[in-house]
Amino acid sequence: WVPGRELSAILAALEEIHGAYNFDGSDSMVDYSH
């Protein structure tokens, strides 16, 4: 079971809002999480 078109659109909209105030300055090559 996977999210269909309607549910995927809702989840994508919420993910866009969730990520709007985040930043990712991480560097996995040197094991640095920021």
Full PDB file with SEQRES, HELIX, SHEET, SSBOND, CRYST1, ORIGX, SCALE, CONECT and MASTER records, all heavy atoms in Angstrom:
SEQRES   1 A   34  TRP VAL PRO GLY ARG GLU LEU SER ALA ILE LEU ALA ALA          
SEQRES   2 A   34  LEU GLU GLU ILE HIS GLY ALA TYR ASN PHE ASP GLY SER          
SEQRES   3 A   34  ASP SER MET VAL ASP TYR SER HIS                              
HELIX    1 AA1 ARG A    5  GLY A   19  1                                  15    
CRYST1    1.000    1.000    1.000  90.00  90.00  90.00 P 1           1          
ORIGX1      1.000000  0.000000  0.000000        0.00000                         
ORIGX2      0.000000  1.000000  0.000000        0.00000                         
ORIGX3      0.000000  0.000000  1.000000        0.00000                         
SCALE1      1.000000  0.000000  0.000000        0.00000                         
SCALE2      0.000000  1.000000  0.000000        0.00000                         
SCALE3      0.000000  0.000000  1.000000        0.00000                         
ATOM      1  N   TRP A   1       0.848  -1.198   0.000  1.00  0.00           N  
ATOM      2  CA  TRP A   1       0.000   0.000   0.000  1.00  0.00           C  
ATOM      3  C   TRP A   1       0.875   1.236   0.000  1.00  0.00           C  
ATOM      4  O   TRP A   1       1.809   1.352   0.789  1.00  0.00           O  
ATOM      5  CB  TRP A   1      -0.899   0.001   1.227  1.00  0.00           C  
ATOM      6  CG  TRP A   1      -1.941  -1.065   1.183  1.00  0.00           C  
ATOM      7  CD1 TRP A   1      -1.876  -2.301   1.753  1.00  0.00           C  
ATOM      8  CD2 TRP A   1      -3.190  -0.998   0.515  1.00  0.00           C  
ATOM      9  NE1 TRP A   1      -3.015  -3.006   1.482  1.00  0.00           N  
ATOM     10  CE2 TRP A   1      -3.850  -2.232   0.718  1.00  0.00           C  
ATOM     11  CE3 TRP A   1      -3.831  -0.028  -0.248  1.00  0.00           C  
ATOM     12  CZ2 TRP A   1      -5.101  -2.506   0.205  1.00  0.00           C  
ATOM     13  CZ3 TRP A   1      -5.085  -0.310  -0.759  1.00  0.00           C  
ATOM     14  CH2 TRP A   1      -5.708  -1.533  -0.531  1.00  0.00           C  
ATOM     15  N   VAL A   2       0.569   2.186  -0.881  1.00  0.00           N  
ATOM     16  CA  VAL A   2       1.302   3.446  -0.964  1.00  0.00           C  
ATOM     17  C   VAL A   2       0.283   4.584  -1.040  1.00  0.00           C  
ATOM     18  O   VAL A   2      -0.852   4.388  -1.474  1.00  0.00           O  
ATOM     19  CB  VAL A   2       2.239   3.492  -2.193  1.00  0.00           C  
ATOM     20  CG1 VAL A   2       3.333   2.449  -2.082  1.00  0.00           C  
ATOM     21  CG2 VAL A   2       1.461   3.317  -3.473  1.00  0.00           C  
ATOM     22  N   PRO A   3       0.676   5.783  -0.621  1.00  0.00           N  
ATOM     23  CA  PRO A   3      -0.247   6.918  -0.740  1.00  0.00           C  
ATOM     24  C   PRO A   3      -0.610   7.181  -2.193  1.00  0.00           C  
ATOM     25  O   PRO A   3       0.253   7.183  -3.070  1.00  0.00           O  
ATOM     26  CB  PRO A   3       0.543   8.095  -0.153  1.00  0.00           C  
ATOM     27  CG  PRO A   3       1.544   7.460   0.746  1.00  0.00           C  
ATOM     28  CD  PRO A   3       1.893   6.153   0.102  1.00  0.00           C  
ATOM     29  N   GLY A   4      -1.888   7.399  -2.431  1.00  0.00           N  
ATOM     30  CA  GLY A   4      -2.373   7.715  -3.774  1.00  0.00           C  
ATOM     31  C   GLY A   4      -2.174   9.183  -4.100  1.00  0.00           C  
ATOM     32  O   GLY A   4      -1.533   9.934  -3.367  1.00  0.00           O  
ATOM     33  N   ARG A   5      -2.762   9.610  -5.204  1.00  0.00           N  
ATOM     34  CA  ARG A   5      -2.570  10.970  -5.699  1.00  0.00           C  
ATOM     35  C   ARG A   5      -3.043  12.030  -4.702  1.00  0.00           C  
ATOM     36  O   ARG A   5      -2.339  12.995  -4.428  1.00  0.00           O  
ATOM     37  CB  ARG A   5      -3.298  11.117  -7.019  1.00  0.00           C  
ATOM     38  CG  ARG A   5      -2.991  12.376  -7.769  1.00  0.00           C  
ATOM     39  CD  ARG A   5      -3.770  12.395  -9.042  1.00  0.00           C  
ATOM     40  NE  ARG A   5      -5.144  12.013  -8.708  1.00  0.00           N  
ATOM     41  CZ  ARG A   5      -6.227  12.540  -9.229  1.00  0.00           C  
ATOM     42  NH1 ARG A   5      -6.120  13.430 -10.161  1.00  0.00           N  
ATOM     43  NH2 ARG A   5      -7.424  12.160  -8.868  1.00  0.00           N  
ATOM     44  N   GLU A   6      -4.262  11.876  -4.141  1.00  0.00           N  
ATOM     45  CA  GLU A   6      -4.796  12.897  -3.236  1.00  0.00           C  
ATOM     46  C   GLU A   6      -3.982  12.984  -1.949  1.00  0.00           C  
ATOM     47  O   GLU A   6      -3.625  14.069  -1.494  1.00  0.00           O  
ATOM     48  CB  GLU A   6      -6.263  12.605  -2.872  1.00  0.00           C  
ATOM     49  CG  GLU A   6      -7.185  12.519  -4.057  1.00  0.00           C  
ATOM     50  CD  GLU A   6      -7.340  11.095  -4.562  1.00  0.00           C  
ATOM     51  OE1 GLU A   6      -6.674  10.180  -4.032  1.00  0.00           O  
ATOM     52  OE2 GLU A   6      -8.124  10.895  -5.497  1.00  0.00           O  
ATOM     53  N   LEU A   7      -3.701  11.835  -1.349  1.00  0.00           N  
ATOM     54  CA  LEU A   7      -2.950  11.812  -0.099  1.00  0.00           C  
ATOM     55  C   LEU A   7      -1.506  12.262  -0.322  1.00  0.00           C  
ATOM     56  O   LEU A   7      -0.943  12.977   0.503  1.00  0.00           O  
ATOM     57  CB  LEU A   7      -2.996  10.418   0.520  1.00  0.00           C  
ATOM     58  CG  LEU A   7      -2.382  10.260   1.904  1.00  0.00           C  
ATOM     59  CD1 LEU A   7      -2.998  11.239   2.891  1.00  0.00           C  
ATOM     60  CD2 LEU A   7      -2.553   8.832   2.401  1.00  0.00           C  
ATOM     61  N   SER A   8      -0.914  11.896  -1.441  1.00  0.00           N  
ATOM     62  CA  SER A   8       0.448  12.333  -1.753  1.00  0.00           C  
ATOM     63  C   SER A   8       0.529  13.844  -1.887  1.00  0.00           C  
ATOM     64  O   SER A   8       1.507  14.461  -1.450  1.00  0.00           O  
ATOM     65  CB  SER A   8       0.943  11.682  -3.044  1.00  0.00           C  
ATOM     66  OG  SER A   8       1.150  10.308  -2.851  1.00  0.00           O  
ATOM     67  N   ALA A   9      -0.493  14.460  -2.479  1.00  0.00           N  
ATOM     68  CA  ALA A   9      -0.506  15.918  -2.620  1.00  0.00           C  
ATOM     69  C   ALA A   9      -0.574  16.592  -1.254  1.00  0.00           C  
ATOM     70  O   ALA A   9       0.107  17.596  -1.012  1.00  0.00           O  
ATOM     71  CB  ALA A   9      -1.681  16.357  -3.488  1.00  0.00           C  
ATOM     72  N   ILE A  10      -1.387  16.048  -0.347  1.00  0.00           N  
ATOM     73  CA  ILE A  10      -1.491  16.601   1.006  1.00  0.00           C  
ATOM     74  C   ILE A  10      -0.164  16.456   1.741  1.00  0.00           C  
ATOM     75  O   ILE A  10       0.330  17.406   2.356  1.00  0.00           O  
ATOM     76  CB  ILE A  10      -2.638  15.913   1.779  1.00  0.00           C  
ATOM     77  CG1 ILE A  10      -3.983  16.271   1.143  1.00  0.00           C  
ATOM     78  CG2 ILE A  10      -2.611  16.290   3.253  1.00  0.00           C  
ATOM     79  CD1 ILE A  10      -5.141  15.438   1.646  1.00  0.00           C  
ATOM     80  N   LEU A  11       0.432  15.272   1.686  1.00  0.00           N  
ATOM     81  CA  LEU A  11       1.709  15.043   2.365  1.00  0.00           C  
ATOM     82  C   LEU A  11       2.813  15.915   1.779  1.00  0.00           C  
ATOM     83  O   LEU A  11       3.644  16.459   2.518  1.00  0.00           O  
ATOM     84  CB  LEU A  11       2.092  13.563   2.289  1.00  0.00           C  
ATOM     85  CG  LEU A  11       1.170  12.594   3.034  1.00  0.00           C  
ATOM     86  CD1 LEU A  11       1.595  11.158   2.771  1.00  0.00           C  
ATOM     87  CD2 LEU A  11       1.144  12.892   4.514  1.00  0.00           C  
ATOM     88  N   ALA A  12       2.844  16.075   0.465  1.00  0.00           N  
ATOM     89  CA  ALA A  12       3.866  16.918  -0.169  1.00  0.00           C  
ATOM     90  C   ALA A  12       3.706  18.377   0.249  1.00  0.00           C  
ATOM     91  O   ALA A  12       4.704  19.071   0.482  1.00  0.00           O  
ATOM     92  CB  ALA A  12       3.784  16.788  -1.686  1.00  0.00           C  
ATOM     93  N   ALA A  13       2.471  18.849   0.359  1.00  0.00           N  
ATOM     94  CA  ALA A  13       2.236  20.231   0.793  1.00  0.00           C  
ATOM     95  C   ALA A  13       2.714  20.433   2.224  1.00  0.00           C  
ATOM     96  O   ALA A  13       3.351  21.443   2.545  1.00  0.00           O  
ATOM     97  CB  ALA A  13       0.756  20.570   0.668  1.00  0.00           C  
ATOM     98  N   LEU A  14       2.425  19.476   3.093  1.00  0.00           N  
ATOM     99  CA  LEU A  14       2.862  19.576   4.488  1.00  0.00           C  
ATOM    100  C   LEU A  14       4.385  19.476   4.589  1.00  0.00           C  
ATOM    101  O   LEU A  14       5.002  20.165   5.403  1.00  0.00           O  
ATOM    102  CB  LEU A  14       2.190  18.503   5.336  1.00  0.00           C  
ATOM    103  CG  LEU A  14       0.684  18.689   5.533  1.00  0.00           C  
ATOM    104  CD1 LEU A  14       0.077  17.463   6.210  1.00  0.00           C  
ATOM    105  CD2 LEU A  14       0.387  19.946   6.320  1.00  0.00           C  
ATOM    106  N   GLU A  15       5.009  18.633   3.759  1.00  0.00           N  
ATOM    107  CA  GLU A  15       6.470  18.530   3.756  1.00  0.00           C  
ATOM    108  C   GLU A  15       7.116  19.826   3.278  1.00  0.00           C  
ATOM    109  O   GLU A  15       8.171  20.226   3.783  1.00  0.00           O  
ATOM    110  CB  GLU A  15       6.921  17.361   2.879  1.00  0.00           C  
ATOM    111  CG  GLU A  15       6.676  16.016   3.518  1.00  0.00           C  
ATOM    112  CD  GLU A  15       6.915  14.846   2.578  1.00  0.00           C  
ATOM    113  OE1 GLU A  15       7.185  15.076   1.372  1.00  0.00           O  
ATOM    114  OE2 GLU A  15       6.820  13.709   3.049  1.00  0.00           O  
ATOM    115  N   GLU A  16       6.483  20.495   2.331  1.00  0.00           N  
ATOM    116  CA  GLU A  16       7.013  21.767   1.849  1.00  0.00           C  
ATOM    117  C   GLU A  16       6.981  22.815   2.961  1.00  0.00           C  
ATOM    118  O   GLU A  16       7.950  23.552   3.160  1.00  0.00           O  
ATOM    119  CB  GLU A  16       6.203  22.253   0.648  1.00  0.00           C  
ATOM    120  CG  GLU A  16       6.724  23.526   0.051  1.00  0.00           C  
ATOM    121  CD  GLU A  16       5.936  23.972  -1.167  1.00  0.00           C  
ATOM    122  OE1 GLU A  16       5.187  23.160  -1.740  1.00  0.00           O  
ATOM    123  OE2 GLU A  16       6.076  25.145  -1.535  1.00  0.00           O  
ATOM    124  N   ILE A  17       5.884  22.870   3.699  1.00  0.00           N  
ATOM    125  CA  ILE A  17       5.786  23.806   4.820  1.00  0.00           C  
ATOM    126  C   ILE A  17       6.773  23.410   5.918  1.00  0.00           C  
ATOM    127  O   ILE A  17       7.452  24.259   6.497  1.00  0.00           O  
ATOM    128  CB  ILE A  17       4.342  23.847   5.357  1.00  0.00           C  
ATOM    129  CG1 ILE A  17       3.415  24.432   4.300  1.00  0.00           C  
ATOM    130  CG2 ILE A  17       4.263  24.646   6.649  1.00  0.00           C  
ATOM    131  CD1 ILE A  17       1.944  24.257   4.596  1.00  0.00           C  
ATOM    132  N   HIS A  18       6.871  22.119   6.202  1.00  0.00           N  
ATOM    133  CA  HIS A  18       7.782  21.617   7.236  1.00  0.00           C  
ATOM    134  C   HIS A  18       9.232  21.986   6.932  1.00  0.00           C  
ATOM    135  O   HIS A  18       9.990  22.384   7.811  1.00  0.00           O  
ATOM    136  CB  HIS A  18       7.628  20.098   7.350  1.00  0.00           C  
ATOM    137  CG  HIS A  18       8.496  19.464   8.381  1.00  0.00           C  
ATOM    138  ND1 HIS A  18       9.746  18.985   8.087  1.00  0.00           N  
ATOM    139  CD2 HIS A  18       8.281  19.223   9.698  1.00  0.00           C  
ATOM    140  CE1 HIS A  18      10.279  18.480   9.185  1.00  0.00           C  
ATOM    141  NE2 HIS A  18       9.412  18.615  10.174  1.00  0.00           N  
ATOM    142  N   GLY A  19       9.621  21.879   5.693  1.00  0.00           N  
ATOM    143  CA  GLY A  19      10.998  22.143   5.315  1.00  0.00           C  
ATOM    144  C   GLY A  19      11.312  23.603   5.021  1.00  0.00           C  
ATOM    145  O   GLY A  19      12.475  23.964   4.829  1.00  0.00           O  
ATOM    146  N   ALA A  20      10.294  24.457   5.014  1.00  0.00           N  
ATOM    147  CA  ALA A  20      10.513  25.858   4.646  1.00  0.00           C  
ATOM    148  C   ALA A  20      11.415  26.596   5.628  1.00  0.00           C  
ATOM    149  O   ALA A  20      12.096  27.540   5.245  1.00  0.00           O  
ATOM    150  CB  ALA A  20       9.174  26.581   4.530  1.00  0.00           C  
ATOM    151  N   TYR A  21      11.418  26.199   6.875  1.00  0.00           N  
ATOM    152  CA  TYR A  21      12.199  26.897   7.894  1.00  0.00           C  
ATOM    153  C   TYR A  21      13.438  26.118   8.310  1.00  0.00           C  
ATOM    154  O   TYR A  21      14.107  26.486   9.258  1.00  0.00           O  
ATOM    155  CB  TYR A  21      11.327  27.193   9.119  1.00  0.00           C  
ATOM    156  CG  TYR A  21      10.141  28.041   8.756  1.00  0.00           C  
ATOM    157  CD1 TYR A  21       8.908  27.466   8.507  1.00  0.00           C  
ATOM    158  CD2 TYR A  21      10.290  29.412   8.622  1.00  0.00           C  
ATOM    159  CE1 TYR A  21       7.827  28.254   8.145  1.00  0.00           C  
ATOM    160  CE2 TYR A  21       9.219  30.201   8.268  1.00  0.00           C  
ATOM    161  CZ  TYR A  21       7.991  29.621   8.029  1.00  0.00           C  
ATOM    162  OH  TYR A  21       6.930  30.392   7.666  1.00  0.00           O  
ATOM    163  N   ASN A  22      13.734  25.055   7.617  1.00  0.00           N  
ATOM    164  CA  ASN A  22      14.867  24.215   7.959  1.00  0.00           C  
ATOM    165  C   ASN A  22      16.032  24.503   7.009  1.00  0.00           C  
ATOM    166  O   ASN A  22      15.840  25.040   5.925  1.00  0.00           O  
ATOM    167  CB  ASN A  22      14.477  22.739   7.874  1.00  0.00           C  
ATOM    168  CG  ASN A  22      15.341  21.858   8.736  1.00  0.00           C  
ATOM    169  OD1 ASN A  22      16.303  22.313   9.329  1.00  0.00           O  
ATOM    170  ND2 ASN A  22      15.006  20.595   8.795  1.00  0.00           N  
ATOM    171  N   PHE A  23      17.201  24.152   7.417  1.00  0.00           N  
ATOM    172  CA  PHE A  23      18.356  24.185   6.539  1.00  0.00           C  
ATOM    173  C   PHE A  23      19.183  22.941   6.830  1.00  0.00           C  
ATOM    174  O   PHE A  23      19.060  22.324   7.879  1.00  0.00           O  
ATOM    175  CB  PHE A  23      19.198  25.454   6.743  1.00  0.00           C  
ATOM    176  CG  PHE A  23      19.849  25.544   8.095  1.00  0.00           C  
ATOM    177  CD1 PHE A  23      21.072  24.962   8.345  1.00  0.00           C  
ATOM    178  CD2 PHE A  23      19.224  26.215   9.123  1.00  0.00           C  
ATOM    179  CE1 PHE A  23      21.666  25.045   9.592  1.00  0.00           C  
ATOM    180  CE2 PHE A  23      19.802  26.314  10.379  1.00  0.00           C  
ATOM    181  CZ  PHE A  23      21.029  25.718  10.608  1.00  0.00           C  
ATOM    182  N   ASP A  24      19.995  22.555   5.891  1.00  0.00           N  
ATOM    183  CA  ASP A  24      20.830  21.376   6.067  1.00  0.00           C  
ATOM    184  C   ASP A  24      22.243  21.715   5.615  1.00  0.00           C  
ATOM    185  O   ASP A  24      22.549  21.718   4.433  1.00  0.00           O  
ATOM    186  CB  ASP A  24      20.284  20.197   5.270  1.00  0.00           C  
ATOM    187  CG  ASP A  24      20.983  18.892   5.593  1.00  0.00           C  
ATOM    188  OD1 ASP A  24      21.946  18.913   6.388  1.00  0.00           O  
ATOM    189  OD2 ASP A  24      20.561  17.850   5.060  1.00  0.00           O  
ATOM    190  N   GLY A  25      23.085  22.004   6.589  1.00  0.00           N  
ATOM    191  CA  GLY A  25      24.484  22.286   6.305  1.00  0.00           C  
ATOM    192  C   GLY A  25      25.355  21.084   6.623  1.00  0.00           C  
ATOM    193  O   GLY A  25      26.543  21.239   6.899  1.00  0.00           O  
ATOM    194  N   SER A  26      24.762  19.895   6.596  1.00  0.00           N  
ATOM    195  CA  SER A  26      25.489  18.675   6.944  1.00  0.00           C  
ATOM    196  C   SER A  26      26.471  18.281   5.849  1.00  0.00           C  
ATOM    197  O   SER A  26      26.284  18.598   4.681  1.00  0.00           O  
ATOM    198  CB  SER A  26      24.507  17.532   7.168  1.00  0.00           C  
ATOM    199  OG  SER A  26      23.596  17.852   8.186  1.00  0.00           O  
ATOM    200  N   ASP A  27      27.496  17.560   6.251  1.00  0.00           N  
ATOM    201  CA  ASP A  27      28.478  17.030   5.314  1.00  0.00           C  
ATOM    202  C   ASP A  27      28.755  15.585   5.712  1.00  0.00           C  
ATOM    203  O   ASP A  27      29.463  15.321   6.684  1.00  0.00           O  
ATOM    204  CB  ASP A  27      29.756  17.861   5.354  1.00  0.00           C  
ATOM    205  CG  ASP A  27      30.773  17.424   4.307  1.00  0.00           C  
ATOM    206  OD1 ASP A  27      30.479  16.469   3.550  1.00  0.00           O  
ATOM    207  OD2 ASP A  27      31.835  18.057   4.238  1.00  0.00           O  
ATOM    208  N   SER A  28      28.173  14.655   4.978  1.00  0.00           N  
ATOM    209  CA  SER A  28      28.317  13.240   5.337  1.00  0.00           C  
ATOM    210  C   SER A  28      29.739  12.720   5.093  1.00  0.00           C  
ATOM    211  O   SER A  28      30.131  11.707   5.666  1.00  0.00           O  
ATOM    212  CB  SER A  28      27.315  12.392   4.559  1.00  0.00           C  
ATOM    213  OG  SER A  28      27.538  12.530   3.173  1.00  0.00           O  
ATOM    214  N   MET A  29      30.521  13.411   4.291  1.00  0.00           N  
ATOM    215  CA  MET A  29      31.892  12.975   4.022  1.00  0.00           C  
ATOM    216  C   MET A  29      32.782  13.092   5.261  1.00  0.00           C  
ATOM    217  O   MET A  29      33.736  12.345   5.413  1.00  0.00           O  
ATOM    218  CB  MET A  29      32.495  13.793   2.876  1.00  0.00           C  
ATOM    219  CG  MET A  29      31.798  13.563   1.543  1.00  0.00           C  
ATOM    220  SD  MET A  29      31.936  11.876   0.954  1.00  0.00           S  
ATOM    221  CE  MET A  29      33.644  11.835   0.530  1.00  0.00           C  
ATOM    222  N   VAL A  30      32.461  14.044   6.134  1.00  0.00           N  
ATOM    223  CA  VAL A  30      33.273  14.235   7.341  1.00  0.00           C  
ATOM    224  C   VAL A  30      32.437  13.985   8.607  1.00  0.00           C  
ATOM    225  O   VAL A  30      32.837  14.373   9.688  1.00  0.00           O  
ATOM    226  CB  VAL A  30      33.900  15.651   7.382  1.00  0.00           C  
ATOM    227  CG1 VAL A  30      34.918  15.794   6.276  1.00  0.00           C  
ATOM    228  CG2 VAL A  30      32.846  16.727   7.310  1.00  0.00           C  
ATOM    229  N   ASP A  31      31.279  13.355   8.456  1.00  0.00           N  
ATOM    230  CA  ASP A  31      30.414  13.007   9.584  1.00  0.00           C  
ATOM    231  C   ASP A  31      30.036  14.242  10.397  1.00  0.00           C  
ATOM    232  O   ASP A  31      30.145  14.273  11.618  1.00  0.00           O  
ATOM    233  CB  ASP A  31      31.099  11.956  10.470  1.00  0.00           C  
ATOM    234  CG  ASP A  31      30.109  11.276  11.402  1.00  0.00           C  
ATOM    235  OD1 ASP A  31      28.906  11.278  11.078  1.00  0.00           O  
ATOM    236  OD2 ASP A  31      30.527  10.755  12.436  1.00  0.00           O  
ATOM    237  N   TYR A  32      29.584  15.282   9.690  1.00  0.00           N  
ATOM    238  CA  TYR A  32      29.190  16.539  10.322  1.00  0.00           C  
ATOM    239  C   TYR A  32      27.705  16.758  10.070  1.00  0.00           C  
ATOM    240  O   TYR A  32      27.264  16.805   8.925  1.00  0.00           O  
ATOM    241  CB  TYR A  32      30.010  17.692   9.743  1.00  0.00           C  
ATOM    242  CG  TYR A  32      29.591  19.059  10.243  1.00  0.00           C  
ATOM    243  CD1 TYR A  32      29.835  19.435  11.554  1.00  0.00           C  
ATOM    244  CD2 TYR A  32      28.964  19.962   9.399  1.00  0.00           C  
ATOM    245  CE1 TYR A  32      29.466  20.688  12.013  1.00  0.00           C  
ATOM    246  CE2 TYR A  32      28.599  21.213   9.840  1.00  0.00           C  
ATOM    247  CZ  TYR A  32      28.839  21.569  11.155  1.00  0.00           C  
ATOM    248  OH  TYR A  32      28.465  22.808  11.604  1.00  0.00           O  
ATOM    249  N   SER A  33      26.937  16.864  11.141  1.00  0.00           N  
ATOM    250  CA  SER A  33      25.499  17.082  11.033  1.00  0.00           C  
ATOM    251  C   SER A  33      25.160  18.468  11.540  1.00  0.00           C  
ATOM    252  O   SER A  33      25.463  18.816  12.682  1.00  0.00           O  
ATOM    253  CB  SER A  33      24.752  16.020  11.845  1.00  0.00           C  
ATOM    254  OG  SER A  33      23.368  16.247  11.771  1.00  0.00           O  
ATOM    255  N   HIS A  34      24.538  19.274  10.686  1.00  0.00           N  
ATOM    256  CA  HIS A  34      24.173  20.636  11.061  1.00  0.00           C  
ATOM    257  C   HIS A  34      22.835  20.975  10.404  1.00  0.00           C  
ATOM    258  O   HIS A  34      22.774  21.336   9.233  1.00  0.00           O  
ATOM    259  CB  HIS A  34      25.262  21.606  10.614  1.00  0.00           C  
ATOM    260  CG  HIS A  34      24.987  23.026  11.013  1.00  0.00           C  
ATOM    261  ND1 HIS A  34      25.043  23.451  12.307  1.00  0.00           N  
ATOM    262  CD2 HIS A  34      24.647  24.101  10.275  1.00  0.00           C  
ATOM    263  CE1 HIS A  34      24.745  24.731  12.362  1.00  0.00           C  
ATOM    264  NE2 HIS A  34      24.505  25.152  11.131  1.00  0.00           N  
TER     265      HIS A  34                                                      
MASTER        0    0    0    1    0    0    0    6  264    1    0    3          
END                                                                             
